[in-house]
């Protein structure tokens, strides 16, 4: 069902939102966490249609209020999460996805950020927590600007890294803060790579 929707929707979305993916590092086989900045509700749709393999996405529960929209979000791999509370069900679903050798996409800024100046918002600890619990690599990606109809855009994919130095330790706030600092540094690396690439292009 996912690939059928993907084939049907791919052409119009690509025409409306022309987006090029630039790979500094390739997506690994098997499970991993893809950590991306968040510019628009279209981020996940565009990334899903530009890459063939099905991935799973954390999405705020408000997006599921419309039953029609909720149906397609689930088919696209969206996992409903309550951002205002500790959503144990969503956490278990995410860990199951990673355990089953699938890819999980998380927007660690936690909300959409207007990055017309290519800034990165403050990152939450979700990426670090899941990566440590599941012992999987992280792929940082950076979307250069908010998708707009007929405006060309780029998504930069960084090199994978792990948080293995934090494995098998007590998962407290201090550890998550330190692990989160590494995630932030890697996200900023691909952000700076994107900025430099666009500057050279000009």
N, C-alpha and C. Protein backbone atom coordinates (compact mmCIF):
# COMPACT_ATOMS: atom_id res chain seq x y z
N UNK A 1 0.83 -1.21 0.00
CA UNK A 1 0.00 0.00 0.00
C UNK A 1 0.87 1.26 0.00
N UNK A 2 1.93 1.25 0.81
CA UNK A 2 2.80 2.42 0.89
C UNK A 2 3.42 2.74 -0.46
N UNK A 3 4.00 1.73 -1.11
CA UNK A 3 4.68 1.99 -2.38
C UNK A 3 3.69 2.38 -3.48
N UNK A 4 2.47 1.89 -3.41
CA UNK A 4 1.44 2.29 -4.38
C UNK A 4 1.14 3.78 -4.22
N UNK A 5 0.93 4.22 -2.98
CA UNK A 5 0.70 5.65 -2.72
C UNK A 5 1.92 6.46 -3.14
N UNK A 6 3.10 5.92 -2.87
CA UNK A 6 4.34 6.59 -3.21
C UNK A 6 4.45 6.83 -4.72
N UNK A 7 4.11 5.82 -5.51
CA UNK A 7 4.19 5.93 -6.96
C UNK A 7 3.18 6.94 -7.49
N UNK A 8 1.97 6.90 -6.94
CA UNK A 8 0.91 7.81 -7.41
C UNK A 8 1.23 9.26 -7.04
N UNK A 9 1.72 9.46 -5.83
CA UNK A 9 1.93 10.82 -5.34
C UNK A 9 3.27 11.42 -5.73
N UNK A 10 4.24 10.58 -6.11
CA UNK A 10 5.60 11.05 -6.33
C UNK A 10 5.69 12.14 -7.40
N UNK A 11 5.08 11.93 -8.56
CA UNK A 11 5.22 12.88 -9.66
C UNK A 11 4.65 14.26 -9.33
N UNK A 12 3.39 14.35 -8.87
CA UNK A 12 2.87 15.69 -8.55
C UNK A 12 3.64 16.40 -7.44
N UNK A 13 4.06 15.65 -6.42
CA UNK A 13 4.82 16.27 -5.33
C UNK A 13 6.17 16.76 -5.82
N UNK A 14 6.82 15.97 -6.68
CA UNK A 14 8.13 16.38 -7.20
C UNK A 14 8.01 17.59 -8.11
N UNK A 15 6.91 17.69 -8.84
CA UNK A 15 6.70 18.85 -9.70
C UNK A 15 6.39 20.10 -8.87
N UNK A 16 5.58 19.92 -7.82
CA UNK A 16 5.19 21.06 -6.99
C UNK A 16 6.31 21.50 -6.05
N UNK A 17 7.05 20.52 -5.54
CA UNK A 17 8.11 20.82 -4.58
C UNK A 17 9.44 20.24 -5.07
N UNK A 18 10.06 20.84 -6.07
CA UNK A 18 11.31 20.29 -6.62
C UNK A 18 12.43 20.29 -5.57
N UNK A 19 12.83 19.10 -5.18
CA UNK A 19 13.81 18.96 -4.09
C UNK A 19 14.90 17.98 -4.49
N UNK A 20 16.13 18.37 -4.25
CA UNK A 20 17.27 17.52 -4.55
C UNK A 20 17.89 17.04 -3.25
N UNK A 21 18.20 15.75 -3.20
CA UNK A 21 18.88 15.20 -2.01
C UNK A 21 20.37 15.08 -2.31
N UNK A 22 21.18 15.68 -1.44
CA UNK A 22 22.63 15.65 -1.57
C UNK A 22 23.18 14.73 -0.49
N UNK A 23 23.86 13.66 -0.91
CA UNK A 23 24.37 12.68 0.05
C UNK A 23 25.84 12.92 0.35
N UNK A 24 26.13 13.38 1.56
CA UNK A 24 27.51 13.40 2.04
C UNK A 24 27.86 12.01 2.56
N UNK A 25 26.86 11.37 3.14
CA UNK A 25 26.99 9.99 3.60
C UNK A 25 25.74 9.22 3.17
N UNK A 26 25.90 7.94 2.86
CA UNK A 26 24.78 7.14 2.39
C UNK A 26 23.97 6.60 3.57
N UNK A 27 22.68 6.40 3.34
CA UNK A 27 21.84 5.79 4.37
C UNK A 27 22.26 4.33 4.54
N UNK A 28 22.53 3.89 5.76
CA UNK A 28 22.95 2.50 5.96
C UNK A 28 21.77 1.54 5.78
N UNK A 29 22.10 0.29 5.56
CA UNK A 29 21.06 -0.73 5.51
C UNK A 29 20.61 -1.01 6.94
N UNK A 30 19.36 -1.42 7.07
CA UNK A 30 18.85 -1.77 8.39
C UNK A 30 18.42 -0.57 9.21
N UNK A 31 18.28 -0.78 10.50
CA UNK A 31 17.71 0.24 11.38
C UNK A 31 18.69 1.38 11.64
N UNK A 32 18.12 2.56 11.75
CA UNK A 32 18.88 3.75 12.13
C UNK A 32 17.87 4.85 12.45
N UNK A 33 18.35 5.91 13.05
CA UNK A 33 17.52 7.08 13.31
C UNK A 33 17.97 8.19 12.38
N UNK A 34 17.03 8.77 11.65
CA UNK A 34 17.32 9.91 10.79
C UNK A 34 16.84 11.15 11.52
N UNK A 35 17.79 12.01 11.87
CA UNK A 35 17.47 13.21 12.64
C UNK A 35 17.48 14.42 11.70
N UNK A 36 16.34 15.10 11.61
CA UNK A 36 16.21 16.21 10.66
C UNK A 36 15.69 17.47 11.33
N UNK A 37 16.13 18.61 10.82
CA UNK A 37 15.49 19.86 11.22
C UNK A 37 14.07 19.87 10.65
N UNK A 38 13.22 20.74 11.16
CA UNK A 38 11.79 20.69 10.82
C UNK A 38 11.31 22.06 10.36
N UNK A 39 10.98 22.16 9.08
CA UNK A 39 10.56 23.44 8.51
C UNK A 39 9.08 23.50 8.18
N UNK A 40 8.47 22.31 7.93
CA UNK A 40 7.09 22.29 7.44
C UNK A 40 6.51 20.90 7.64
N UNK A 41 5.17 20.81 7.63
CA UNK A 41 4.52 19.49 7.67
C UNK A 41 4.80 18.70 6.40
N UNK A 42 5.31 19.35 5.36
CA UNK A 42 5.64 18.68 4.11
C UNK A 42 7.00 17.98 4.17
N UNK A 43 7.79 18.27 5.19
CA UNK A 43 9.14 17.68 5.28
C UNK A 43 9.11 16.16 5.15
N UNK A 44 8.28 15.52 5.97
CA UNK A 44 8.23 14.06 5.99
C UNK A 44 7.69 13.51 4.67
N UNK A 45 6.69 14.18 4.09
CA UNK A 45 6.08 13.73 2.84
C UNK A 45 7.11 13.75 1.71
N UNK A 46 7.82 14.86 1.59
CA UNK A 46 8.81 15.01 0.52
C UNK A 46 9.93 13.98 0.68
N UNK A 47 10.42 13.82 1.89
CA UNK A 47 11.51 12.86 2.13
C UNK A 47 11.05 11.44 1.85
N UNK A 48 9.82 11.12 2.23
CA UNK A 48 9.28 9.78 2.00
C UNK A 48 9.15 9.49 0.51
N UNK A 49 8.77 10.50 -0.28
CA UNK A 49 8.56 10.30 -1.71
C UNK A 49 9.87 10.36 -2.51
N UNK A 50 10.90 10.95 -1.92
CA UNK A 50 12.17 11.05 -2.62
C UNK A 50 13.08 9.85 -2.35
N UNK A 51 12.72 9.03 -1.37
CA UNK A 51 13.51 7.84 -1.04
C UNK A 51 12.56 6.64 -1.01
N UNK A 52 12.95 5.55 -1.66
CA UNK A 52 12.04 4.44 -1.89
C UNK A 52 11.69 3.65 -0.63
N UNK A 53 12.68 3.38 0.22
CA UNK A 53 12.45 2.54 1.40
C UNK A 53 11.46 3.20 2.36
N UNK A 54 10.52 2.41 2.87
CA UNK A 54 9.56 2.95 3.83
C UNK A 54 10.26 3.27 5.15
N UNK A 55 9.92 4.43 5.67
CA UNK A 55 10.46 4.86 6.95
C UNK A 55 9.31 5.21 7.88
N UNK A 56 9.61 5.34 9.15
CA UNK A 56 8.59 5.66 10.15
C UNK A 56 8.90 7.02 10.76
N UNK A 57 7.84 7.78 11.02
CA UNK A 57 7.99 9.17 11.43
C UNK A 57 7.19 9.46 12.69
N UNK A 58 7.80 10.18 13.61
CA UNK A 58 7.03 10.67 14.76
C UNK A 58 6.23 11.89 14.30
N UNK A 59 4.93 11.87 14.55
CA UNK A 59 4.06 12.98 14.12
C UNK A 59 3.11 13.35 15.26
N UNK A 60 2.93 14.64 15.46
CA UNK A 60 2.07 15.11 16.55
C UNK A 60 0.63 14.60 16.37
N UNK A 61 -0.01 14.29 17.48
CA UNK A 61 -1.33 13.67 17.44
C UNK A 61 -2.38 14.55 16.76
N UNK A 62 -2.16 15.88 16.78
CA UNK A 62 -3.13 16.80 16.18
C UNK A 62 -3.32 16.55 14.69
N UNK A 63 -2.30 16.00 14.03
CA UNK A 63 -2.38 15.75 12.59
C UNK A 63 -3.34 14.60 12.27
N UNK A 64 -3.69 13.81 13.29
CA UNK A 64 -4.54 12.64 13.07
C UNK A 64 -6.02 12.93 13.33
N UNK A 65 -6.36 14.17 13.66
CA UNK A 65 -7.76 14.51 13.96
C UNK A 65 -8.66 14.25 12.75
N UNK A 66 -8.16 14.58 11.57
CA UNK A 66 -8.90 14.29 10.35
C UNK A 66 -8.68 12.82 10.00
N UNK A 67 -9.76 12.05 9.97
CA UNK A 67 -9.64 10.60 9.76
C UNK A 67 -9.01 10.26 8.41
N UNK A 68 -9.35 11.04 7.38
CA UNK A 68 -8.80 10.80 6.05
C UNK A 68 -7.29 11.02 6.06
N UNK A 69 -6.88 12.14 6.66
CA UNK A 69 -5.46 12.45 6.77
C UNK A 69 -4.75 11.42 7.64
N UNK A 70 -5.39 11.04 8.75
CA UNK A 70 -4.81 10.06 9.65
C UNK A 70 -4.56 8.73 8.98
N UNK A 71 -5.48 8.32 8.08
CA UNK A 71 -5.33 7.06 7.35
C UNK A 71 -4.06 7.07 6.52
N UNK A 72 -3.85 8.14 5.76
CA UNK A 72 -2.68 8.21 4.90
C UNK A 72 -1.39 8.41 5.70
N UNK A 73 -1.48 9.12 6.81
CA UNK A 73 -0.30 9.28 7.65
C UNK A 73 0.18 7.93 8.17
N UNK A 74 -0.75 7.09 8.59
CA UNK A 74 -0.39 5.77 9.10
C UNK A 74 0.22 4.91 7.99
N UNK A 75 -0.34 5.02 6.77
CA UNK A 75 0.20 4.26 5.64
C UNK A 75 1.61 4.71 5.30
N UNK A 76 1.89 5.99 5.54
CA UNK A 76 3.22 6.52 5.29
C UNK A 76 4.19 6.20 6.42
N UNK A 77 3.70 5.60 7.50
CA UNK A 77 4.59 5.20 8.59
C UNK A 77 4.60 6.17 9.76
N UNK A 78 3.61 7.06 9.82
CA UNK A 78 3.57 8.04 10.92
C UNK A 78 3.18 7.36 12.24
N UNK A 79 3.87 7.73 13.29
CA UNK A 79 3.58 7.24 14.64
C UNK A 79 3.05 8.41 15.45
N UNK A 80 1.84 8.31 15.90
CA UNK A 80 1.19 9.40 16.63
C UNK A 80 1.81 9.57 18.01
N UNK A 81 2.16 10.83 18.34
CA UNK A 81 2.74 11.09 19.65
C UNK A 81 2.09 12.32 20.29
N UNK A 82 1.86 12.21 21.59
CA UNK A 82 1.35 13.32 22.39
C UNK A 82 2.55 14.09 22.91
N UNK A 83 2.79 15.27 22.35
CA UNK A 83 3.99 16.03 22.70
C UNK A 83 3.90 16.69 24.06
N UNK A 84 2.70 16.77 24.61
CA UNK A 84 2.51 17.46 25.90
C UNK A 84 2.73 16.53 27.08
N UNK A 85 2.73 15.22 26.82
CA UNK A 85 2.86 14.25 27.91
C UNK A 85 3.87 13.18 27.54
N UNK A 86 4.27 12.40 28.52
CA UNK A 86 5.16 11.28 28.27
C UNK A 86 4.36 10.16 27.62
N UNK A 87 4.52 10.00 26.31
CA UNK A 87 3.71 9.06 25.54
C UNK A 87 4.40 7.70 25.48
N UNK A 88 4.10 6.84 26.44
CA UNK A 88 4.76 5.53 26.54
C UNK A 88 4.44 4.66 25.33
N UNK A 89 3.22 4.73 24.83
CA UNK A 89 2.83 3.93 23.67
C UNK A 89 3.67 4.28 22.45
N UNK A 90 3.85 5.59 22.21
CA UNK A 90 4.65 6.04 21.06
C UNK A 90 6.11 5.61 21.22
N UNK A 91 6.63 5.71 22.44
CA UNK A 91 8.02 5.30 22.70
C UNK A 91 8.21 3.82 22.39
N UNK A 92 7.27 2.99 22.83
CA UNK A 92 7.35 1.55 22.56
C UNK A 92 7.26 1.25 21.07
N UNK A 93 6.40 1.98 20.36
CA UNK A 93 6.28 1.79 18.92
C UNK A 93 7.58 2.14 18.20
N UNK A 94 8.21 3.22 18.63
CA UNK A 94 9.48 3.63 18.01
C UNK A 94 10.57 2.58 18.24
N UNK A 95 10.65 2.07 19.45
CA UNK A 95 11.66 1.05 19.76
C UNK A 95 11.39 -0.24 18.99
N UNK A 96 10.11 -0.56 18.78
CA UNK A 96 9.74 -1.74 18.00
C UNK A 96 10.17 -1.57 16.55
N UNK A 97 9.96 -0.38 16.00
CA UNK A 97 10.38 -0.08 14.62
C UNK A 97 11.89 -0.33 14.47
N UNK A 98 12.67 0.18 15.41
CA UNK A 98 14.13 0.02 15.33
C UNK A 98 14.54 -1.44 15.55
N UNK A 99 13.84 -2.12 16.45
CA UNK A 99 14.12 -3.53 16.72
C UNK A 99 13.85 -4.37 15.48
N UNK A 100 12.86 -3.95 14.68
CA UNK A 100 12.48 -4.70 13.47
C UNK A 100 13.31 -4.29 12.25
N UNK A 101 14.44 -3.64 12.50
CA UNK A 101 15.38 -3.31 11.44
C UNK A 101 14.86 -2.25 10.46
N UNK A 102 14.03 -1.34 10.96
CA UNK A 102 13.46 -0.27 10.14
C UNK A 102 14.10 1.07 10.50
N UNK A 103 13.80 2.06 9.70
CA UNK A 103 14.35 3.40 9.91
C UNK A 103 13.31 4.32 10.54
N UNK A 104 13.76 5.10 11.53
CA UNK A 104 12.89 6.01 12.24
C UNK A 104 13.35 7.44 12.01
N UNK A 105 12.44 8.31 11.55
CA UNK A 105 12.76 9.71 11.32
C UNK A 105 12.21 10.55 12.47
N UNK A 106 13.08 11.35 13.08
CA UNK A 106 12.68 12.21 14.19
C UNK A 106 13.10 13.64 13.89
N UNK A 107 12.22 14.59 14.24
CA UNK A 107 12.53 16.01 14.13
C UNK A 107 12.84 16.52 15.54
N UNK A 108 14.11 16.50 15.94
CA UNK A 108 14.45 16.77 17.35
C UNK A 108 14.20 18.20 17.82
N UNK A 109 13.93 19.13 16.90
CA UNK A 109 13.57 20.47 17.35
C UNK A 109 12.20 20.45 18.03
N UNK A 110 11.41 19.41 17.75
CA UNK A 110 10.13 19.23 18.43
C UNK A 110 8.98 20.01 17.83
N UNK A 111 9.28 20.98 17.00
CA UNK A 111 8.25 21.78 16.34
C UNK A 111 8.86 22.41 15.10
N UNK A 112 8.02 22.97 14.24
CA UNK A 112 8.53 23.61 13.02
C UNK A 112 9.28 24.89 13.38
N UNK A 113 10.40 25.08 12.68
CA UNK A 113 11.23 26.26 12.90
C UNK A 113 11.43 26.97 11.57
N UNK A 114 11.16 28.27 11.54
CA UNK A 114 11.37 29.06 10.33
C UNK A 114 12.87 29.24 10.13
N UNK A 115 13.44 28.48 9.20
CA UNK A 115 14.89 28.52 9.04
C UNK A 115 15.31 29.20 7.75
N UNK A 116 14.64 30.28 7.39
CA UNK A 116 15.03 31.01 6.19
C UNK A 116 16.47 31.51 6.30
N UNK A 117 16.97 31.65 7.52
CA UNK A 117 18.37 32.01 7.73
C UNK A 117 19.23 30.77 8.00
N UNK A 118 18.62 29.59 7.75
CA UNK A 118 19.29 28.30 7.92
C UNK A 118 19.80 28.10 9.34
N UNK A 119 18.98 28.49 10.30
CA UNK A 119 19.30 28.27 11.71
C UNK A 119 18.77 26.92 12.16
N UNK A 120 19.31 26.43 13.26
CA UNK A 120 18.86 25.18 13.85
C UNK A 120 18.31 25.47 15.23
N UNK A 121 17.07 25.03 15.50
CA UNK A 121 16.47 25.28 16.80
C UNK A 121 17.08 24.39 17.89
N UNK A 122 16.69 24.64 19.11
CA UNK A 122 17.16 23.81 20.24
C UNK A 122 16.64 22.40 20.09
N UNK A 123 17.50 21.41 20.27
CA UNK A 123 17.12 20.01 20.07
C UNK A 123 16.70 19.35 21.38
N UNK A 124 15.64 18.54 21.28
CA UNK A 124 15.20 17.73 22.42
C UNK A 124 16.06 16.47 22.50
N UNK A 125 15.85 15.68 23.56
CA UNK A 125 16.70 14.51 23.81
C UNK A 125 16.18 13.21 23.20
N UNK A 126 15.09 13.27 22.42
CA UNK A 126 14.49 12.05 21.90
C UNK A 126 15.42 11.23 21.02
N UNK A 127 16.15 11.88 20.14
CA UNK A 127 17.07 11.17 19.25
C UNK A 127 18.11 10.41 20.06
N UNK A 128 18.72 11.09 21.02
CA UNK A 128 19.74 10.46 21.86
C UNK A 128 19.15 9.28 22.64
N UNK A 129 17.98 9.46 23.21
CA UNK A 129 17.37 8.40 24.02
C UNK A 129 17.13 7.14 23.19
N UNK A 130 16.50 7.30 22.01
CA UNK A 130 16.19 6.13 21.18
C UNK A 130 17.47 5.49 20.64
N UNK A 131 18.44 6.31 20.24
CA UNK A 131 19.68 5.76 19.69
C UNK A 131 20.44 4.95 20.73
N UNK A 132 20.43 5.41 21.97
CA UNK A 132 21.12 4.68 23.04
C UNK A 132 20.36 3.42 23.43
N UNK A 133 19.05 3.55 23.57
CA UNK A 133 18.24 2.39 23.96
C UNK A 133 18.31 1.28 22.91
N UNK A 134 18.22 1.66 21.63
CA UNK A 134 18.18 0.66 20.56
C UNK A 134 19.56 0.32 20.02
N UNK A 135 20.58 1.12 20.42
CA UNK A 135 21.95 0.92 19.95
C UNK A 135 22.03 0.93 18.43
N UNK A 136 21.52 2.00 17.85
CA UNK A 136 21.52 2.15 16.39
C UNK A 136 22.22 3.44 16.00
N UNK A 137 22.73 3.51 14.76
CA UNK A 137 23.38 4.73 14.30
C UNK A 137 22.38 5.86 14.02
N UNK A 138 22.90 7.07 13.95
CA UNK A 138 22.09 8.25 13.67
C UNK A 138 22.59 8.88 12.37
N UNK A 139 21.65 9.30 11.52
CA UNK A 139 21.98 10.00 10.28
C UNK A 139 21.43 11.42 10.41
N UNK A 140 22.29 12.43 10.46
CA UNK A 140 21.80 13.82 10.52
C UNK A 140 21.48 14.33 9.12
N UNK A 141 20.35 15.00 8.95
CA UNK A 141 20.04 15.61 7.67
C UNK A 141 19.59 17.06 7.91
N UNK A 142 19.76 17.87 6.88
CA UNK A 142 19.39 19.28 7.00
C UNK A 142 18.62 19.72 5.76
N UNK A 143 17.40 20.24 6.00
CA UNK A 143 16.56 20.78 4.94
C UNK A 143 16.86 22.27 4.86
N UNK A 144 17.27 22.75 3.69
CA UNK A 144 17.80 24.11 3.61
C UNK A 144 16.76 25.19 3.84
N UNK A 145 15.52 24.95 3.41
CA UNK A 145 14.48 25.95 3.65
C UNK A 145 13.09 25.33 3.57
N UNK A 146 12.11 26.06 4.05
CA UNK A 146 10.73 25.59 4.07
C UNK A 146 10.24 25.32 2.65
N UNK A 147 9.66 24.13 2.41
CA UNK A 147 9.14 23.83 1.08
C UNK A 147 8.02 24.80 0.68
N UNK A 148 8.14 25.35 -0.52
CA UNK A 148 7.09 26.19 -1.10
C UNK A 148 6.87 25.75 -2.53
N UNK A 149 5.65 25.87 -3.01
CA UNK A 149 5.30 25.40 -4.35
C UNK A 149 6.23 26.02 -5.39
N UNK A 150 6.81 25.16 -6.22
CA UNK A 150 7.69 25.51 -7.35
C UNK A 150 9.03 26.13 -6.93
N UNK A 151 9.32 26.17 -5.64
CA UNK A 151 10.61 26.68 -5.20
C UNK A 151 11.58 25.52 -5.02
N UNK A 152 12.74 25.62 -5.64
CA UNK A 152 13.73 24.56 -5.53
C UNK A 152 14.31 24.50 -4.11
N UNK A 153 14.54 23.28 -3.67
CA UNK A 153 15.02 23.07 -2.32
C UNK A 153 16.05 21.95 -2.31
N UNK A 154 16.78 21.85 -1.22
CA UNK A 154 17.78 20.79 -1.08
C UNK A 154 17.72 20.18 0.31
N UNK A 155 17.97 18.87 0.34
CA UNK A 155 18.09 18.15 1.60
C UNK A 155 19.48 17.53 1.63
N UNK A 156 20.24 17.86 2.65
CA UNK A 156 21.60 17.33 2.78
C UNK A 156 21.62 16.20 3.79
N UNK A 157 22.19 15.07 3.38
CA UNK A 157 22.27 13.88 4.24
C UNK A 157 23.70 13.72 4.72
N UNK A 158 23.89 13.73 6.03
CA UNK A 158 25.23 13.63 6.60
C UNK A 158 25.70 12.19 6.81
N UNK A 159 26.89 12.06 7.35
CA UNK A 159 27.47 10.75 7.63
C UNK A 159 26.93 10.19 8.94
N UNK A 160 26.79 8.89 8.99
CA UNK A 160 26.24 8.25 10.18
C UNK A 160 27.23 8.31 11.35
N UNK A 161 26.70 8.31 12.55
CA UNK A 161 27.52 8.25 13.75
C UNK A 161 26.74 7.51 14.83
N UNK A 162 27.41 7.11 15.87
CA UNK A 162 26.74 6.40 16.96
C UNK A 162 26.98 7.12 18.29
N UNK A 163 26.24 6.70 19.27
CA UNK A 163 26.43 7.18 20.65
C UNK A 163 26.90 6.03 21.53
N UNK A 164 27.74 5.17 20.93
CA UNK A 164 28.14 3.95 21.63
C UNK A 164 28.89 4.21 22.92
N UNK A 165 29.50 5.39 23.05
CA UNK A 165 30.20 5.70 24.31
C UNK A 165 29.22 5.86 25.48
N UNK A 166 27.92 5.93 25.15
CA UNK A 166 26.90 6.08 26.20
C UNK A 166 26.08 4.80 26.42
N UNK A 167 26.38 3.75 25.66
CA UNK A 167 25.64 2.50 25.79
C UNK A 167 25.87 1.88 27.18
N UNK A 168 24.87 1.13 27.63
CA UNK A 168 24.97 0.35 28.87
C UNK A 168 25.28 1.20 30.09
N UNK A 169 24.80 2.44 30.08
CA UNK A 169 24.94 3.31 31.24
C UNK A 169 23.55 3.75 31.71
N UNK A 170 23.49 4.26 32.91
CA UNK A 170 22.22 4.74 33.43
C UNK A 170 21.73 5.91 32.59
N UNK A 171 20.53 5.78 32.07
CA UNK A 171 19.98 6.77 31.15
C UNK A 171 19.32 7.91 31.92
N UNK A 172 20.15 8.74 32.54
CA UNK A 172 19.60 9.85 33.31
C UNK A 172 19.75 11.16 32.52
N UNK A 173 19.30 12.24 33.10
CA UNK A 173 19.30 13.53 32.39
C UNK A 173 20.71 14.00 32.05
N UNK A 174 21.66 13.73 32.96
CA UNK A 174 23.04 14.15 32.71
C UNK A 174 23.62 13.46 31.48
N UNK A 175 23.38 12.15 31.39
CA UNK A 175 23.88 11.39 30.24
C UNK A 175 23.21 11.84 28.95
N UNK A 176 21.88 12.04 29.01
CA UNK A 176 21.16 12.47 27.81
C UNK A 176 21.61 13.85 27.35
N UNK A 177 21.95 14.71 28.31
CA UNK A 177 22.45 16.04 27.96
C UNK A 177 23.77 15.94 27.20
N UNK A 178 24.68 15.11 27.70
CA UNK A 178 25.97 14.93 27.04
C UNK A 178 25.79 14.30 25.66
N UNK A 179 24.93 13.28 25.58
CA UNK A 179 24.67 12.63 24.29
C UNK A 179 24.00 13.61 23.33
N UNK A 180 23.09 14.42 23.88
CA UNK A 180 22.40 15.42 23.07
C UNK A 180 23.34 16.46 22.48
N UNK A 181 24.40 16.77 23.22
CA UNK A 181 25.40 17.73 22.73
C UNK A 181 26.10 17.19 21.50
N UNK A 182 26.35 15.88 21.50
CA UNK A 182 26.98 15.27 20.32
C UNK A 182 26.03 15.29 19.13
N UNK A 183 24.75 14.99 19.39
CA UNK A 183 23.75 15.03 18.31
C UNK A 183 23.68 16.44 17.72
N UNK A 184 23.64 17.45 18.60
CA UNK A 184 23.59 18.84 18.14
C UNK A 184 24.81 19.20 17.30
N UNK A 185 25.98 18.76 17.74
CA UNK A 185 27.22 19.04 17.00
C UNK A 185 27.18 18.42 15.61
N UNK A 186 26.70 17.19 15.51
CA UNK A 186 26.63 16.51 14.22
C UNK A 186 25.57 17.15 13.31
N UNK A 187 24.46 17.59 13.90
CA UNK A 187 23.44 18.28 13.12
C UNK A 187 23.99 19.60 12.58
N UNK A 188 24.77 20.27 13.39
CA UNK A 188 25.36 21.53 12.95
C UNK A 188 26.44 21.32 11.88
N UNK A 189 27.11 20.17 11.93
CA UNK A 189 28.10 19.85 10.90
C UNK A 189 27.45 19.77 9.52
N UNK A 190 26.32 19.05 9.43
CA UNK A 190 25.67 18.93 8.13
C UNK A 190 25.00 20.25 7.73
N UNK A 191 24.56 21.01 8.72
CA UNK A 191 24.03 22.36 8.44
C UNK A 191 25.10 23.24 7.82
N UNK A 192 26.30 23.23 8.42
CA UNK A 192 27.40 24.05 7.90
C UNK A 192 27.84 23.57 6.53
N UNK A 193 27.81 22.25 6.32
CA UNK A 193 28.14 21.70 5.01
C UNK A 193 27.15 22.19 3.96
N UNK A 194 25.87 22.23 4.34
CA UNK A 194 24.83 22.73 3.42
C UNK A 194 25.05 24.20 3.09
N UNK A 195 25.34 25.00 4.11
CA UNK A 195 25.58 26.43 3.90
C UNK A 195 26.77 26.65 2.98
N UNK A 196 27.87 25.93 3.22
CA UNK A 196 29.08 26.08 2.40
C UNK A 196 28.82 25.64 0.96
N UNK A 197 28.05 24.55 0.81
CA UNK A 197 27.75 24.06 -0.54
C UNK A 197 26.93 25.07 -1.33
N UNK A 198 25.95 25.66 -0.67
CA UNK A 198 25.10 26.65 -1.33
C UNK A 198 25.87 27.94 -1.63
N UNK A 199 26.79 28.29 -0.75
CA UNK A 199 27.61 29.48 -0.98
C UNK A 199 28.51 29.29 -2.20
N UNK A 200 29.13 28.11 -2.32
CA UNK A 200 29.98 27.81 -3.47
C UNK A 200 29.16 27.78 -4.76
N UNK A 201 27.92 27.29 -4.65
CA UNK A 201 27.04 27.19 -5.82
C UNK A 201 26.75 28.58 -6.40
N UNK A 202 26.65 29.57 -5.51
CA UNK A 202 26.38 30.94 -5.96
C UNK A 202 27.60 31.54 -6.66
